C-alpha atoms as a PDB file:
ATOM      1  CA  MET A   1     -29.865  39.559  -8.860  1.00  0.00           C
ATOM      2  CA  ALA A   2     -30.773  38.160  -5.431  1.00  0.00           C
ATOM      3  CA  ASP A   3     -33.778  36.370  -6.932  1.00  0.00           C
ATOM      4  CA  ALA A   4     -31.539  34.769  -9.549  1.00  0.00           C
ATOM      5  CA  VAL A   5     -29.119  33.530  -6.881  1.00  0.00           C
ATOM      6  CA  GLU A   6     -31.979  32.093  -4.810  1.00  0.00           C
ATOM      7  CA  LYS A   7     -33.355  30.364  -7.892  1.00  0.00           C
ATOM      8  CA  VAL A   8     -29.985  28.808  -8.696  1.00  0.00           C
ATOM      9  CA  ASN A   9     -29.548  27.657  -5.083  1.00  0.00           C
ATOM     10  CA  ALA A  10     -33.006  26.109  -5.131  1.00  0.00           C
ATOM     11  CA  THR A  11     -32.104  24.275  -8.336  1.00  0.00           C
ATOM     12  CA  TYR A  12     -28.920  22.940  -6.742  1.00  0.00           C
ATOM     13  CA  GLU A  13     -30.963  21.656  -3.813  1.00  0.00           C
ATOM     14  CA  GLN A  14     -33.370  19.921  -6.187  1.00  0.00           C
ATOM     15  CA  LEU A  15     -30.470  18.313  -8.027  1.00  0.00           C
ATOM     16  CA  ALA A  16     -29.039  17.084  -4.718  1.00  0.00           C
ATOM     17  CA  GLU A  17     -32.408  15.566  -3.836  1.00  0.00           C
ATOM     18  CA  LEU A  18     -32.637  13.939  -7.262  1.00  0.00           C
ATOM     19  CA  GLU A  19     -29.182  12.467  -6.858  1.00  0.00           C
ATOM     20  CA  GLN A  20     -30.277  10.971  -3.540  1.00  0.00           C
ATOM     21  CA  GLU A  21     -33.353   9.490  -5.218  1.00  0.00           C
ATOM     22  CA  PHE A  22     -31.120   7.839  -7.823  1.00  0.00           C
ATOM     23  CA  GLU A  23     -28.989   6.434  -4.990  1.00  0.00           C
ATOM     24  CA  ASP A  24     -32.110   5.050  -3.322  1.00  0.00           C
ATOM     25  CA  VAL A  25     -33.095   3.253  -6.523  1.00  0.00           C
ATOM     26  CA  GLU A  26     -29.586   1.851  -6.987  1.00  0.00           C
ATOM     27  CA  THR A  27     -29.629   0.568  -3.406  1.00  0.00           C
ATOM     28  CA  GLU A  28     -32.954  -1.153  -3.982  1.00  0.00           C
ATOM     29  CA  ILE A  29     -31.591  -2.682  -7.206  1.00  0.00           C
ATOM     30  CA  ILE A  30     -28.715  -4.176  -5.183  1.00  0.00           C
ATOM     31  CA  ARG A  31     -31.236  -5.642  -2.746  1.00  0.00           C
ATOM     32  CA  GLN A  32     -33.415  -7.164  -5.477  1.00  0.00           C
ATOM     33  CA  GLN A  33     -30.476  -8.385  -7.558  1.00  0.00           C
ATOM     34  CA  TYR A  34     -28.942 -10.176  -4.585  1.00  0.00           C
ATOM     35  CA  THR A  35     -32.245 -11.872  -3.783  1.00  0.00           C
ATOM     36  CA  LEU A  36     -32.747 -12.996  -7.388  1.00  0.00           C
ATOM     37  CA  THR A  37     -29.198 -14.208  -8.009  1.00  0.00           C
ATOM     38  CA  LYS A  38     -28.361 -15.788  -4.658  1.00  0.00           C
ATOM     39  CA  SER A  39     -29.413 -19.299  -5.750  1.00  0.00           C
ATOM     40  CA  LEU A  40     -27.474 -18.904  -9.005  1.00  0.00           C
ATOM     41  CA  TYR A  41     -24.279 -18.042  -7.138  1.00  0.00           C
ATOM     42  CA  GLU A  42     -24.801 -21.061  -4.889  1.00  0.00           C
ATOM     43  CA  LYS A  43     -25.148 -23.221  -8.001  1.00  0.00           C
ATOM     44  CA  ARG A  44     -21.995 -21.662  -9.452  1.00  0.00           C
ATOM     45  CA  LYS A  45     -20.113 -22.366  -6.235  1.00  0.00           C
ATOM     46  CA  LYS A  46     -20.897 -26.083  -6.483  1.00  0.00           C
ATOM     47  CA  LEU A  47     -19.871 -26.252 -10.131  1.00  0.00           C
ATOM     48  CA  VAL A  48     -16.579 -24.357  -9.858  1.00  0.00           C
ATOM     49  CA  ALA A  49     -15.605 -26.452  -6.826  1.00  0.00           C
ATOM     50  CA  GLU A  50     -15.060 -29.279  -9.334  1.00  0.00           C
ATOM     51  CA  ILE A  51     -12.641 -27.175 -11.397  1.00  0.00           C
ATOM     52  CA  PRO A  52      -9.016 -27.237 -10.169  1.00  0.00           C
ATOM     53  CA  ASN A  53      -7.523 -23.788  -9.530  1.00  0.00           C
ATOM     54  CA  PHE A  54     -10.676 -21.950 -10.592  1.00  0.00           C
ATOM     55  CA  TRP A  55     -10.246 -19.015  -8.204  1.00  0.00           C
ATOM     56  CA  PRO A  56      -6.453 -18.713  -8.603  1.00  0.00           C
ATOM     57  CA  LEU A  57      -7.047 -18.450 -12.359  1.00  0.00           C
ATOM     58  CA  VAL A  58      -9.740 -15.835 -11.815  1.00  0.00           C
ATOM     59  CA  LEU A  59      -7.399 -13.862  -9.591  1.00  0.00           C
ATOM     60  CA  GLU A  60      -4.643 -14.170 -12.167  1.00  0.00           C
ATOM     61  CA  GLN A  61      -6.841 -12.168 -14.550  1.00  0.00           C
ATOM     62  CA  ALA A  62      -8.093  -9.827 -11.831  1.00  0.00           C
ATOM     63  CA  PRO A  63      -9.094  -6.303 -12.923  1.00  0.00           C
ATOM     64  CA  PRO A  64      -6.651  -3.456 -12.141  1.00  0.00           C
ATOM     65  CA  ASP A  65      -8.807  -2.324  -9.204  1.00  0.00           C
ATOM     66  CA  VAL A  66      -7.859  -5.602  -7.509  1.00  0.00           C
ATOM     67  CA  ASP A  67      -4.549  -6.531  -9.112  1.00  0.00           C
ATOM     68  CA  GLN A  68      -2.810  -3.269  -8.147  1.00  0.00           C
ATOM     69  CA  TYR A  69      -2.936  -4.267  -4.481  1.00  0.00           C
ATOM     70  CA  ILE A  70      -1.437  -7.750  -4.898  1.00  0.00           C
ATOM     71  CA  GLN A  71       2.318  -7.859  -4.351  1.00  0.00           C
ATOM     72  CA  PRO A  72       4.488 -10.691  -5.793  1.00  0.00           C
ATOM     73  CA  ASN A  73       4.704 -12.485  -2.430  1.00  0.00           C
ATOM     74  CA  ASP A  74       0.930 -12.203  -2.031  1.00  0.00           C
ATOM     75  CA  SER A  75       0.419 -13.597  -5.509  1.00  0.00           C
ATOM     76  CA  ALA A  76       2.502 -16.670  -4.722  1.00  0.00           C
ATOM     77  CA  VAL A  77       0.233 -17.492  -1.769  1.00  0.00           C
ATOM     78  CA  LEU A  78      -3.051 -16.644  -3.468  1.00  0.00           C
ATOM     79  CA  LEU A  79      -2.311 -18.549  -6.669  1.00  0.00           C
ATOM     80  CA  SER A  80      -1.087 -21.645  -4.838  1.00  0.00           C
ATOM     81  CA  SER A  81      -3.576 -21.993  -1.980  1.00  0.00           C
ATOM     82  CA  LEU A  82      -6.738 -19.934  -2.590  1.00  0.00           C
ATOM     83  CA  SER A  83      -9.598 -22.422  -2.891  1.00  0.00           C
ATOM     84  CA  SER A  84     -12.751 -20.308  -2.754  1.00  0.00           C
ATOM     85  CA  VAL A  85     -14.079 -16.741  -2.809  1.00  0.00           C
ATOM     86  CA  SER A  86     -17.565 -15.689  -1.782  1.00  0.00           C
ATOM     87  CA  VAL A  87     -19.424 -12.415  -1.287  1.00  0.00           C
ATOM     88  CA  SER A  88     -22.609 -11.960   0.718  1.00  0.00           C
ATOM     89  CA  HIS A  89     -24.811  -9.016   1.690  1.00  0.00           C
ATOM     90  CA  PHE A  90     -25.074 -10.186   5.272  1.00  0.00           C
ATOM     91  CA  GLU A  91     -27.402  -7.492   6.611  1.00  0.00           C
ATOM     92  CA  ILE A  92     -30.252  -8.700   4.382  1.00  0.00           C
ATOM     93  CA  GLU A  93     -29.516 -12.436   4.576  1.00  0.00           C
ATOM     94  CA  ASN A  94     -32.316 -13.363   6.967  1.00  0.00           C
ATOM     95  CA  ASP A  95     -35.230 -10.964   6.612  1.00  0.00           C
ATOM     96  CA  GLY A  96     -34.276  -8.784   3.650  1.00  0.00           C
ATOM     97  CA  LYS A  97     -33.962  -5.756   5.910  1.00  0.00           C
ATOM     98  CA  GLY A  98     -30.808  -3.830   6.634  1.00  0.00           C
ATOM     99  CA  ASP A  99     -28.549  -2.087   4.137  1.00  0.00           C
ATOM    100  CA  PRO A 100     -27.698  -4.215   1.078  1.00  0.00           C
ATOM    101  CA  ARG A 101     -24.505  -2.220   0.607  1.00  0.00           C
ATOM    102  CA  SER A 102     -22.995  -3.922   3.655  1.00  0.00           C
ATOM    103  CA  ILE A 103     -20.908  -6.833   2.392  1.00  0.00           C
ATOM    104  CA  SER A 104     -18.923  -9.786   3.659  1.00  0.00           C
ATOM    105  CA  ILE A 105     -15.985 -11.150   1.644  1.00  0.00           C
ATOM    106  CA  LYS A 106     -14.768 -14.626   2.500  1.00  0.00           C
ATOM    107  CA  LEU A 107     -11.547 -16.191   1.213  1.00  0.00           C
ATOM    108  CA  GLU A 108     -10.892 -19.892   1.813  1.00  0.00           C
ATOM    109  CA  PHE A 109      -7.423 -21.420   1.662  1.00  0.00           C
ATOM    110  CA  ALA A 110      -5.768 -24.799   1.469  1.00  0.00           C
ATOM    111  CA  GLU A 111      -2.826 -25.587   3.713  1.00  0.00           C
ATOM    112  CA  ASN A 112       0.036 -23.163   3.033  1.00  0.00           C
ATOM    113  CA  GLU A 113       3.374 -22.159   4.511  1.00  0.00           C
ATOM    114  CA  HIS A 114       2.363 -18.635   5.590  1.00  0.00           C
ATOM    115  CA  PHE A 115      -0.672 -18.845   7.891  1.00  0.00           C
ATOM    116  CA  GLU A 116      -2.788 -21.369   9.746  1.00  0.00           C
ATOM    117  CA  ASP A 117      -6.212 -19.926   8.918  1.00  0.00           C
ATOM    118  CA  LYS A 118      -8.365 -21.876   6.494  1.00  0.00           C
ATOM    119  CA  VAL A 119     -10.933 -19.076   6.204  1.00  0.00           C
ATOM    120  CA  LEU A 120     -10.398 -15.307   6.259  1.00  0.00           C
ATOM    121  CA  GLU A 121     -13.625 -13.295   6.313  1.00  0.00           C
ATOM    122  CA  LYS A 122     -13.887  -9.512   6.366  1.00  0.00           C
ATOM    123  CA  LYS A 123     -17.135  -7.632   6.907  1.00  0.00           C
ATOM    124  CA  PHE A 124     -17.875  -4.101   5.760  1.00  0.00           C
ATOM    125  CA  TRP A 125     -20.797  -2.140   7.198  1.00  0.00           C
ATOM    126  CA  TYR A 126     -22.345   0.693   5.208  1.00  0.00           C
ATOM    127  CA  ARG A 127     -22.794   3.549   7.669  1.00  0.00           C
ATOM    128  CA  ARG A 128     -23.696   7.214   7.749  1.00  0.00           C
ATOM    129  CA  SER A 129     -22.158   9.753  10.140  1.00  0.00           C
ATOM    130  CA  LYS A 130     -23.658  12.884  11.636  1.00  0.00           C
ATOM    131  CA  ASP A 131     -21.381  15.073   9.509  1.00  0.00           C
ATOM    132  CA  GLY A 132     -22.812  13.668   6.263  1.00  0.00           C
ATOM    133  CA  TYR A 133     -20.232  10.984   5.489  1.00  0.00           C
ATOM    134  CA  ALA A 134     -21.572   7.693   4.132  1.00  0.00           C
ATOM    135  CA  GLY A 135     -19.466   4.661   3.256  1.00  0.00           C
ATOM    136  CA  LEU A 136     -17.990   1.341   4.308  1.00  0.00           C
ATOM    137  CA  VAL A 137     -16.378   0.776   7.686  1.00  0.00           C
ATOM    138  CA  SER A 138     -14.844  -2.401   9.062  1.00  0.00           C
ATOM    139  CA  GLU A 139     -12.928  -3.997  11.906  1.00  0.00           C
ATOM    140  CA  PRO A 140      -9.401  -5.480  11.703  1.00  0.00           C
ATOM    141  CA  VAL A 141      -9.268  -9.252  11.196  1.00  0.00           C
ATOM    142  CA  PRO A 142      -6.242 -11.059  12.689  1.00  0.00           C
ATOM    143  CA  ILE A 143      -4.295 -13.660  10.735  1.00  0.00           C
ATOM    144  CA  LYS A 144      -2.461 -16.513  12.467  1.00  0.00           C
ATOM    145  CA  TRP A 145       0.909 -16.195  10.770  1.00  0.00           C
ATOM    146  CA  LYS A 146       3.426 -19.010  10.969  1.00  0.00           C
ATOM    147  CA  ALA A 147       6.827 -18.158  12.434  1.00  0.00           C
ATOM    148  CA  GLY A 148       8.735 -15.775  10.178  1.00  0.00           C
ATOM    149  CA  LYS A 149       6.056 -15.809   7.465  1.00  0.00           C
ATOM    150  CA  ASP A 150       4.139 -12.581   8.182  1.00  0.00           C
ATOM    151  CA  LEU A 151       3.685 -10.903   4.792  1.00  0.00           C
ATOM    152  CA  THR A 152       2.498  -7.691   6.485  1.00  0.00           C
ATOM    153  CA  HIS A 153       5.734  -7.352   8.507  1.00  0.00           C
ATOM    154  CA  GLY A 154       3.784  -6.821  11.713  1.00  0.00           C
ATOM    155  CA  LEU A 155       1.477  -4.093  10.365  1.00  0.00           C
ATOM    156  CA  LEU A 156      -1.675  -6.203  10.634  1.00  0.00           C
ATOM    157  CA  GLY A 157      -0.820  -7.458  14.104  1.00  0.00           C
ATOM    158  CA  LEU A 158      -0.280  -3.927  15.407  1.00  0.00           C
ATOM    159  CA  ALA A 159      -3.461  -2.662  13.734  1.00  0.00           C
ATOM    160  CA  VAL A 160      -5.454  -5.407  15.465  1.00  0.00           C
ATOM    161  CA  LYS A 161      -3.756  -4.631  18.796  1.00  0.00           C
ATOM    162  CA  VAL A 162      -4.552  -0.908  18.565  1.00  0.00           C
ATOM    163  CA  TRP A 163      -8.158  -1.704  17.667  1.00  0.00           C
ATOM    164  CA  GLU A 164      -8.530  -4.049  20.646  1.00  0.00           C
ATOM    165  CA  GLN A 165      -7.089  -1.383  22.948  1.00  0.00           C
ATOM    166  CA  ASP A 166      -9.623   1.121  21.610  1.00  0.00           C
ATOM    167  CA  GLU A 167     -12.410  -1.370  22.228  1.00  0.00           C
ATOM    168  CA  LYS A 168     -11.347  -1.940  25.850  1.00  0.00           C
ATOM    169  CA  LYS A 169     -11.002   1.790  26.431  1.00  0.00           C
ATOM    170  CA  GLY A 170     -14.487   2.366  25.042  1.00  0.00           C
ATOM    171  CA  GLN A 171     -16.019  -0.362  27.189  1.00  0.00           C
ATOM    172  CA  ALA A 172     -14.301   1.015  30.281  1.00  0.00           C
ATOM    173  CA  ASN A 173     -15.522   4.554  29.563  1.00  0.00           C
ATOM    174  CA  GLY A 174     -18.949   3.468  28.368  1.00  0.00           C
ATOM    175  CA  THR A 175     -18.463   5.102  24.956  1.00  0.00           C
ATOM    176  CA  SER A 176     -18.849   3.795  21.429  1.00  0.00           C
ATOM    177  CA  ASN A 177     -15.850   3.386  19.154  1.00  0.00           C
ATOM    178  CA  ASP A 178     -16.611   6.564  17.217  1.00  0.00           C
ATOM    179  CA  LYS A 179     -15.898   8.552  20.390  1.00  0.00           C
ATOM    180  CA  LYS A 180     -12.501   6.976  20.986  1.00  0.00           C
ATOM    181  CA  LYS A 181     -10.530   9.222  18.646  1.00  0.00           C
ATOM    182  CA  THR A 182      -7.088  10.515  19.486  1.00  0.00           C
ATOM    183  CA  THR A 183      -6.314  13.352  17.114  1.00  0.00           C
ATOM    184  CA  LYS A 184      -3.004  14.573  18.435  1.00  0.00           C
ATOM    185  CA  PRO A 185       0.069  12.383  17.857  1.00  0.00           C
ATOM    186  CA  GLU A 186       1.542  13.440  21.185  1.00  0.00           C
ATOM    187  CA  ASP A 187      -1.405  11.720  22.871  1.00  0.00           C
ATOM    188  CA  TRP A 188      -0.906   8.425  21.056  1.00  0.00           C
ATOM    189  CA  THR A 189      -0.105   5.245  22.949  1.00  0.00           C
ATOM    190  CA  ALA A 190       3.192   3.428  22.427  1.00  0.00           C
ATOM    191  CA  ASP A 191       1.464   0.937  20.110  1.00  0.00           C
ATOM    192  CA  GLN A 192      -0.140   3.710  18.049  1.00  0.00           C
ATOM    193  CA  LYS A 193       3.230   5.385  17.616  1.00  0.00           C
ATOM    194  CA  ALA A 194       4.827   2.057  16.676  1.00  0.00           C
ATOM    195  CA  LEU A 195       2.084   1.466  14.107  1.00  0.00           C
ATOM    196  CA  ARG A 196       2.613   4.898  12.559  1.00  0.00           C
ATOM    197  CA  GLU A 197       6.359   4.252  12.352  1.00  0.00           C
ATOM    198  CA  LYS A 198       5.754   0.947  10.559  1.00  0.00           C
ATOM    199  CA  ILE A 199       3.358   2.612   8.125  1.00  0.00           C
ATOM    200  CA  ASP A 200       5.998   5.235   7.338  1.00  0.00           C
ATOM    201  CA  ALA A 201       8.735   2.610   7.035  1.00  0.00           C
ATOM    202  CA  TYR A 202       6.974   0.384   4.521  1.00  0.00           C
ATOM    203  CA  GLY A 203       5.012   2.988   2.604  1.00  0.00           C
ATOM    204  CA  LEU A 204       1.338   2.557   1.815  1.00  0.00           C
ATOM    205  CA  GLY A 205       1.956   1.900  -1.881  1.00  0.00           C
ATOM    206  CA  GLY A 206       3.816  -1.340  -1.297  1.00  0.00           C
ATOM    207  CA  VAL A 207       2.008  -2.977   1.595  1.00  0.00           C
ATOM    208  CA  SER A 208       0.824  -6.557   1.346  1.00  0.00           C
ATOM    209  CA  PHE A 209      -2.659  -7.404   0.080  1.00  0.00           C
ATOM    210  CA  PHE A 210      -3.194  -9.055   3.467  1.00  0.00           C
ATOM    211  CA  CYS A 211      -2.966  -5.638   5.156  1.00  0.00           C
ATOM    212  CA  TRP A 212      -6.448  -5.180   3.702  1.00  0.00           C
ATOM    213  CA  PHE A 213      -7.732  -7.291   6.584  1.00  0.00           C
ATOM    214  CA  GLY A 214      -6.612  -4.484   8.903  1.00  0.00           C
ATOM    215  CA  TYR A 215      -8.757  -1.801   7.240  1.00  0.00           C
ATOM    216  CA  ARG A 216     -10.988   0.191   9.613  1.00  0.00           C
ATOM    217  CA  GLY A 217     -12.195   3.247   7.731  1.00  0.00           C
ATOM    218  CA  ARG A 218     -14.035   6.089   9.430  1.00  0.00           C
ATOM    219  CA  ASN A 219     -14.988   5.638  13.095  1.00  0.00           C
ATOM    220  CA  VAL A 220     -18.763   5.508  12.693  1.00  0.00           C
ATOM    221  CA  SER A 221     -20.666   3.321  15.143  1.00  0.00           C
ATOM    222  CA  ALA A 222     -23.915   1.518  14.415  1.00  0.00           C
ATOM    223  CA  GLU A 223     -25.638   3.848  16.883  1.00  0.00           C
ATOM    224  CA  GLU A 224     -24.413   7.035  15.194  1.00  0.00           C
ATOM    225  CA  SER A 225     -25.316   5.623  11.782  1.00  0.00           C
ATOM    226  CA  ALA A 226     -28.861   4.743  12.898  1.00  0.00           C
ATOM    227  CA  ILE A 227     -29.423   8.236  14.287  1.00  0.00           C
ATOM    228  CA  ALA A 228     -27.960   9.969  11.207  1.00  0.00           C
ATOM    229  CA  THR A 229     -30.013   7.771   8.854  1.00  0.00           C
ATOM    230  CA  ALA A 230     -33.226   8.424  10.786  1.00  0.00           C
ATOM    231  CA  GLU A 231     -32.598  12.170  10.745  1.00  0.00           C
ATOM    232  CA  GLU A 232     -31.935  12.080   7.006  1.00  0.00           C
ATOM    233  CA  LYS A 233     -35.171  10.174   6.338  1.00  0.00           C
ATOM    234  CA  LYS A 234     -37.126  12.622   8.491  1.00  0.00           C
ATOM    235  CA  ARG A 235     -35.637  15.604   6.692  1.00  0.00           C
ATOM    236  CA  ARG A 236     -36.534  14.211   3.295  1.00  0.00           C
ATOM    237  CA  ALA A 237     -40.046  13.240   4.398  1.00  0.00           C
ATOM    238  CA  GLU A 238     -40.646  16.808   5.572  1.00  0.00           C
ATOM    239  CA  GLY A 239     -39.191  18.213   2.357  1.00  0.00           C
ATOM    240  CA  ARG A 240     -36.518  20.181   4.162  1.00  0.00           C
ATOM    241  CA  ALA A 241     -33.300  21.143   2.398  1.00  0.00           C
ATOM    242  CA  PRO A 242     -30.015  19.748   3.765  1.00  0.00           C
ATOM    243  CA  GLU A 243     -28.701  21.890   6.586  1.00  0.00           C
ATOM    244  CA  PRO A 244     -25.478  23.701   5.710  1.00  0.00           C
ATOM    245  CA  LYS A 245     -22.466  22.537   7.624  1.00  0.00           C
ATOM    246  CA  GLU A 246     -21.399  24.859  10.371  1.00  0.00           C
ATOM    247  CA  GLU A 247     -17.868  26.112  10.040  1.00  0.00           C
ATOM    248  CA  GLU A 248     -16.105  25.828  13.342  1.00  0.00           C
ATOM    249  CA  GLU A 249     -13.630  28.503  14.240  1.00  0.00           C
ATOM    250  CA  GLU A 250     -10.314  27.016  15.145  1.00  0.00           C
ATOM    251  CA  ASP A 251      -6.977  28.480  15.992  1.00  0.00           C
ATOM    252  CA  GLU A 252      -4.216  27.872  13.470  1.00  0.00           C
ATOM    253  CA  ASP A 253      -2.207  26.120  16.171  1.00  0.00           C
ATOM    254  CA  ASP A 254      -5.082  23.717  16.809  1.00  0.00           C
ATOM    255  CA  GLU A 255      -5.375  22.975  13.090  1.00  0.00           C
ATOM    256  CA  ASP A 256      -1.671  22.208  12.920  1.00  0.00           C
ATOM    257  CA  ASP A 257      -2.026  19.797  15.835  1.00  0.00           C
ATOM    258  CA  GLU A 258      -5.005  17.983  14.288  1.00  0.00           C
ATOM    259  CA  GLU A 259      -4.106  14.580  12.938  1.00  0.00           C
ATOM    260  CA  ASP A 260      -5.829  12.864  10.039  1.00  0.00           C
ATOM    261  CA  PRO A 261      -8.398  10.432  11.531  1.00  0.00           C
ATOM    262  CA  LEU A 262      -7.039   7.828   9.112  1.00  0.00           C
ATOM    263  CA  ALA A 263      -3.419   8.419  10.139  1.00  0.00           C
ATOM    264  CA  LEU A 264      -3.223   4.923  11.624  1.00  0.00           C
ATOM    265  CA  GLU A 265      -4.956   3.251   8.674  1.00  0.00           C
ATOM    266  CA  ILE A 266      -2.716   0.558   7.174  1.00  0.00           C
ATOM    267  CA  PHE A 267      -4.830   0.101   4.021  1.00  0.00           C
ATOM    268  CA  PRO A 268      -6.572   3.403   3.157  1.00  0.00           C
ATOM    269  CA  ASP A 269      -8.194   2.001   0.000  1.00  0.00           C
ATOM    270  CA  GLY A 270      -9.751  -0.939   1.829  1.00  0.00           C
ATOM    271  CA  ASP A 271     -13.301   0.103   0.945  1.00  0.00           C
ATOM    272  CA  ASP A 272     -12.413   0.490  -2.746  1.00  0.00           C
ATOM    273  CA  LEU A 273     -10.938  -3.000  -2.846  1.00  0.00           C
ATOM    274  CA  ALA A 274     -14.034  -4.415  -1.138  1.00  0.00           C
ATOM    275  CA  VAL A 275     -16.263  -2.786  -3.762  1.00  0.00           C
ATOM    276  CA  ALA A 276     -14.029  -4.110  -6.563  1.00  0.00           C
ATOM    277  CA  PHE A 277     -14.394  -7.632  -5.161  1.00  0.00           C
ATOM    278  CA  SER A 278     -18.163  -7.428  -4.754  1.00  0.00           C
ATOM    279  CA  GLU A 279     -19.074  -5.519  -7.919  1.00  0.00           C
ATOM    280  CA  ASP A 280     -16.492  -6.831 -10.384  1.00  0.00           C
ATOM    281  CA  LEU A 281     -14.381  -9.860  -9.482  1.00  0.00           C
ATOM    282  CA  TRP A 282     -17.191 -11.830  -7.816  1.00  0.00           C
ATOM    283  CA  PRO A 283     -20.007 -11.383 -10.370  1.00  0.00           C
ATOM    284  CA  SER A 284     -17.618 -11.586 -13.354  1.00  0.00           C
ATOM    285  CA  ALA A 285     -15.625 -14.613 -12.145  1.00  0.00           C
ATOM    286  CA  LEU A 286     -16.639 -16.783 -15.124  1.00  0.00           C
ATOM    287  CA  LYS A 287     -15.478 -14.093 -17.532  1.00  0.00           C
ATOM    288  CA  TYR A 288     -12.074 -13.824 -15.854  1.00  0.00           C
ATOM    289  CA  PHE A 289     -11.732 -17.610 -15.718  1.00  0.00           C
ATOM    290  CA  THR A 290     -12.386 -17.807 -19.471  1.00  0.00           C
ATOM    291  CA  GLN A 291      -9.815 -15.080 -20.099  1.00  0.00           C
ATOM    292  CA  ALA A 292      -7.270 -17.019 -18.051  1.00  0.00           C
ATOM    293  CA  GLN A 293      -7.871 -20.157 -20.135  1.00  0.00           C
ATOM    294  CA  GLU A 294      -7.531 -18.187 -23.360  1.00  0.00           C
ATOM    295  CA  ALA A 295      -4.306 -16.603 -22.125  1.00  0.00           C
ATOM    296  CA  ASP A 296      -2.973 -20.058 -21.271  1.00  0.00           C
ATOM    297  CA  ALA A 297      -3.898 -21.362 -24.719  1.00  0.00           C
ATOM    298  CA  ILE A 298      -2.114 -18.454 -26.417  1.00  0.00           C
ATOM    299  CA  SER A 299       0.891 -19.022 -24.178  1.00  0.00           C
ATOM    300  CA  ASP A 300       0.976 -22.698 -25.219  1.00  0.00           C
ATOM    301  CA  ILE A 301       0.901 -21.746 -28.905  1.00  0.00           C
ATOM    302  CA  ASP A 302       3.681 -19.182 -28.464  1.00  0.00           C
ATOM    303  CA  PHE A 303       5.748 -21.720 -26.541  1.00  0.00           C
ATOM    304  CA  GLU A 304       5.392 -24.320 -29.307  1.00  0.00           C
ATOM    305  CA  ASP A 305       6.108 -21.787 -32.075  1.00  0.00           C
ATOM    306  CA  ASN A 306       9.240 -20.559 -30.326  1.00  0.00           C
ATOM    307  CA  ASP A 307      10.357 -24.133 -29.780  1.00  0.00           C
ATOM    308  CA  GLU A 308      10.004 -24.869 -33.502  1.00  0.00           C
ATOM    309  CA  GLU A 309      11.817 -21.661 -34.459  1.00  0.00           C
ATOM    310  CA  MET A 310      14.667 -22.518 -32.123  1.00  0.00           C
ATOM    311  CA  ASN A 311      15.046 -25.968 -33.673  1.00  0.00           C
ATOM    312  CA  GLU A 312      15.003 -24.512 -37.203  1.00  0.00           C
ATOM    313  CA  ASP A 313      17.619 -21.925 -36.316  1.00  0.00           C
ATOM    314  CA  ASP A 314      19.975 -24.343 -34.536  1.00  0.00           C
ATOM    315  CA  GLY A 315      22.141 -24.767 -37.617  1.00  0.00           C
ATOM    316  CA  GLU A 316      22.383 -21.072 -38.316  1.00  0.00           C
ATOM    317  CA  ASN A 317      23.202 -20.245 -34.717  1.00  0.00           C
ATOM    318  CA  GLU A 318      26.020 -22.752 -34.695  1.00  0.00           C
ATOM    319  CA  GLU A 319      27.525 -21.174 -37.815  1.00  0.00           C
ATOM    320  CA  ASP A 320      27.321 -17.511 -36.894  1.00  0.00           C
ATOM    321  CA  GLY A 321      27.639 -17.901 -33.122  1.00  0.00           C
ATOM    322  CA  ASP A 322      24.324 -16.126 -32.434  1.00  0.00           C
ATOM    323  CA  GLU A 323      22.364 -17.267 -29.421  1.00  0.00           C
ATOM    324  CA  ALA A 324      18.941 -18.833 -29.821  1.00  0.00           C
ATOM    325  CA  PRO A 325      15.998 -16.554 -28.990  1.00  0.00           C
ATOM    326  CA  PRO A 326      14.662 -17.037 -25.463  1.00  0.00           C
ATOM    327  CA  LEU A 327      11.430 -18.925 -24.965  1.00  0.00           C
ATOM    328  CA  LYS A 328       8.386 -17.006 -23.850  1.00  0.00           C
ATOM    329  CA  LYS A 329       7.473 -18.053 -20.332  1.00  0.00           C
ATOM    330  CA  ARG A 330       4.024 -19.364 -19.653  1.00  0.00           C
ATOM    331  CA  LYS A 331       1.903 -17.827 -16.932  1.00  0.00           C
ATOM    332  CA  ALA A 332       2.068 -19.545 -13.598  1.00  0.00           C
END
């Protein structure tokens, strides 16, 4: 029986290693694909710049993974002033080194009534922590809102302020940002408490798309990630199995006091939205633009058909007092 258990465990370890090998190949595919398609995307950028409202139309047909985060007020701004979208794998831009899963998403805007910024760029670093976590982390990006026009209702501003305070505290103590965690709410600063109250007040399901620029993710520094990545490579090179995680004994009272490390996160799905931009909306922009044109054409036909039906039924409506059917509204 013991031999059977050991055999099954060994098989699980082999499967875990195989899964990692698949991930390595997928990462290399991202690297090669970006290198091969970079000039094509630059060519596309020049061409679509000549098409009025190209990116607003693309966003209008955005996939659910993007569209679900855009509130009506956000949509009004994005559809009226968004002029360009671009995605780059900035860590491999110069020498091809670095992790190709790190991405930068840049949105460019025309003059609008909500903010002064012409360019909003958010970077996401792919990092690995000592406890085995691997994923995208970021830093809050401030937006220069015009008076009374903040679509995030102060959430983004507070998120940026808390981040800056953490940075100053880390510099003063000589520690990296991953060490500046405050797990117990009673130890929070006044700004952290105010941020938590705002998060509770507005609810995470209805926050503005622009809160995405406040996403932080897990507190994993570049230094911790480099060490964890090096240790993982060494382990695999030596053919060692992953070390089981040690279970720390904690008092129940301590567990109750522990606060979620993402408790002050104003956009918990920020990494998912970044991936949706880079792996769907960006590469498939031409497809979504075509769909938008087709939807507009269908809307035009429906509008004309309804107009004709209304004219034909005018006489009947006057006789029986029925109201004419409403016209189908075209998409903005």
